[in-house]
Protein backbone atom coordinates (compact mmCIF):
# COMPACT_ATOMS: atom_id res chain seq x y z
CA UNK A 1 -34.95 -22.42 37.99
CA UNK A 2 -37.07 -24.84 36.07
CA UNK A 3 -35.71 -27.88 34.27
CA UNK A 4 -38.46 -27.99 31.67
CA UNK A 5 -36.91 -29.10 28.36
CA UNK A 6 -38.60 -26.38 26.30
CA UNK A 7 -38.31 -23.52 28.78
CA UNK A 8 -35.97 -21.48 26.61
CA UNK A 9 -38.07 -21.95 23.47
CA UNK A 10 -41.19 -20.19 24.71
CA UNK A 11 -40.66 -17.16 22.50
CA UNK A 12 -39.60 -19.27 19.53
CA UNK A 13 -42.68 -18.32 17.49
CA UNK A 14 -42.54 -15.62 14.86
CA UNK A 15 -42.74 -12.08 16.04
CA UNK A 16 -43.33 -8.95 14.05
CA UNK A 17 -39.61 -8.07 14.15
CA UNK A 18 -38.48 -11.39 12.70
CA UNK A 19 -38.11 -11.80 8.95
CA UNK A 20 -39.62 -14.74 7.13
CA UNK A 21 -37.54 -17.67 5.97
CA UNK A 22 -37.90 -16.49 2.37
CA UNK A 23 -36.56 -13.04 3.22
CA UNK A 24 -33.69 -14.55 5.18
CA UNK A 25 -32.82 -16.91 2.31
CA UNK A 26 -32.97 -14.11 -0.24
CA UNK A 27 -30.68 -11.94 1.89
CA UNK A 28 -28.26 -14.84 2.35
CA UNK A 29 -28.10 -15.51 -1.39
CA UNK A 30 -27.61 -11.78 -2.04
CA UNK A 31 -24.54 -11.77 0.24
CA UNK A 32 -23.24 -14.89 -1.51
CA UNK A 33 -23.67 -13.31 -4.95
CA UNK A 34 -21.94 -10.12 -3.79
CA UNK A 35 -19.05 -12.20 -2.46
CA UNK A 36 -18.74 -14.02 -5.77
CA UNK A 37 -18.81 -10.71 -7.67
CA UNK A 38 -16.01 -9.33 -5.50
CA UNK A 39 -13.99 -12.50 -6.07
CA UNK A 40 -14.59 -12.29 -9.82
CA UNK A 41 -13.64 -8.61 -9.88
CA UNK A 42 -10.37 -9.19 -8.05
CA UNK A 43 -9.50 -12.14 -10.28
CA UNK A 44 -10.31 -10.12 -13.41
CA UNK A 45 -8.20 -7.21 -12.16
CA UNK A 46 -5.30 -9.56 -11.50
CA UNK A 47 -5.62 -11.09 -14.96
CA UNK A 48 -5.95 -7.80 -16.86
CA UNK A 49 -3.06 -6.09 -15.09
CA UNK A 50 -0.89 -9.24 -14.85
CA UNK A 51 -0.59 -8.58 -11.12
CA UNK A 52 -0.86 -12.30 -10.42
CA UNK A 53 2.08 -13.14 -12.68
CA UNK A 54 4.07 -10.24 -11.25
CA UNK A 55 3.42 -11.42 -7.69
CA UNK A 56 4.38 -15.01 -8.55
CA UNK A 57 7.56 -13.93 -10.33
CA UNK A 58 8.84 -11.14 -8.08
CA UNK A 59 7.47 -11.78 -4.59
CA UNK A 60 9.27 -14.72 -3.04
CA UNK A 61 7.10 -17.16 -1.09
CA UNK A 62 3.83 -15.49 -2.13
CA UNK A 63 2.11 -18.88 -2.01
CA UNK A 64 3.07 -19.30 1.65
CA UNK A 65 1.94 -15.77 2.48
CA UNK A 66 -1.46 -16.42 0.92
CA UNK A 67 -1.70 -19.80 2.67
CA UNK A 68 -0.97 -18.28 6.08
CA UNK A 69 -3.41 -15.41 5.48
CA UNK A 70 -6.14 -17.91 4.56
CA UNK A 71 -5.52 -20.00 7.67
CA UNK A 72 -5.52 -16.92 9.93
CA UNK A 73 -8.77 -15.71 8.35
CA UNK A 74 -10.49 -19.07 8.84
CA UNK A 75 -9.32 -19.42 12.46
CA UNK A 76 -10.54 -15.89 13.19
CA UNK A 77 -13.94 -16.60 11.65
CA UNK A 78 -14.32 -19.86 13.59
CA UNK A 79 -13.46 -18.20 16.89
CA UNK A 80 -15.92 -15.37 16.24
CA UNK A 81 -18.70 -17.84 15.37
CA UNK A 82 -17.99 -19.89 18.50
CA UNK A 83 -18.20 -16.75 20.67
CA UNK A 84 -21.72 -16.02 19.39
CA UNK A 85 -24.64 -17.18 21.42
CA UNK A 86 -26.72 -20.05 20.11
CA UNK A 87 -29.59 -17.72 19.19
CA UNK A 88 -27.36 -15.41 17.14
CA UNK A 89 -25.99 -18.38 15.19
CA UNK A 90 -29.40 -19.85 14.43
CA UNK A 91 -31.45 -16.64 14.18
CA UNK A 92 -29.17 -13.79 13.08
CA UNK A 93 -32.14 -11.56 12.29
CA UNK A 94 -33.11 -11.50 15.93
CA UNK A 95 -29.69 -10.58 17.24
CA UNK A 96 -29.01 -9.63 20.84
CA UNK A 97 -32.30 -7.89 21.49
CA UNK A 98 -34.43 -10.92 20.64
CA UNK A 99 -36.24 -11.63 23.84
CA UNK A 100 -34.80 -9.68 26.77
CA UNK A 101 -34.63 -5.89 26.72
CA UNK A 102 -31.32 -4.61 28.06
């Protein structure tokens, strides 16, 4: 085992399987726009059908239910991100099969 500081970065250069930074950024913004469209669609549906007012008037403690669901979702996402390897967090396009065939 070597203790060279850059030993694990030998294959850090671009390979043919890796997408460019522009492609990665475009894909990231596409996912963000799709998420905003889903959020807008759900909000519009709640406004048109008055489902939001119905839920606030007839479902007791709906605000606490939504708060708890949001906290559970964020804790789940944080734990999943922390379980990822460093390379998956920084280079999601490369994934698990980035440098060592399994």
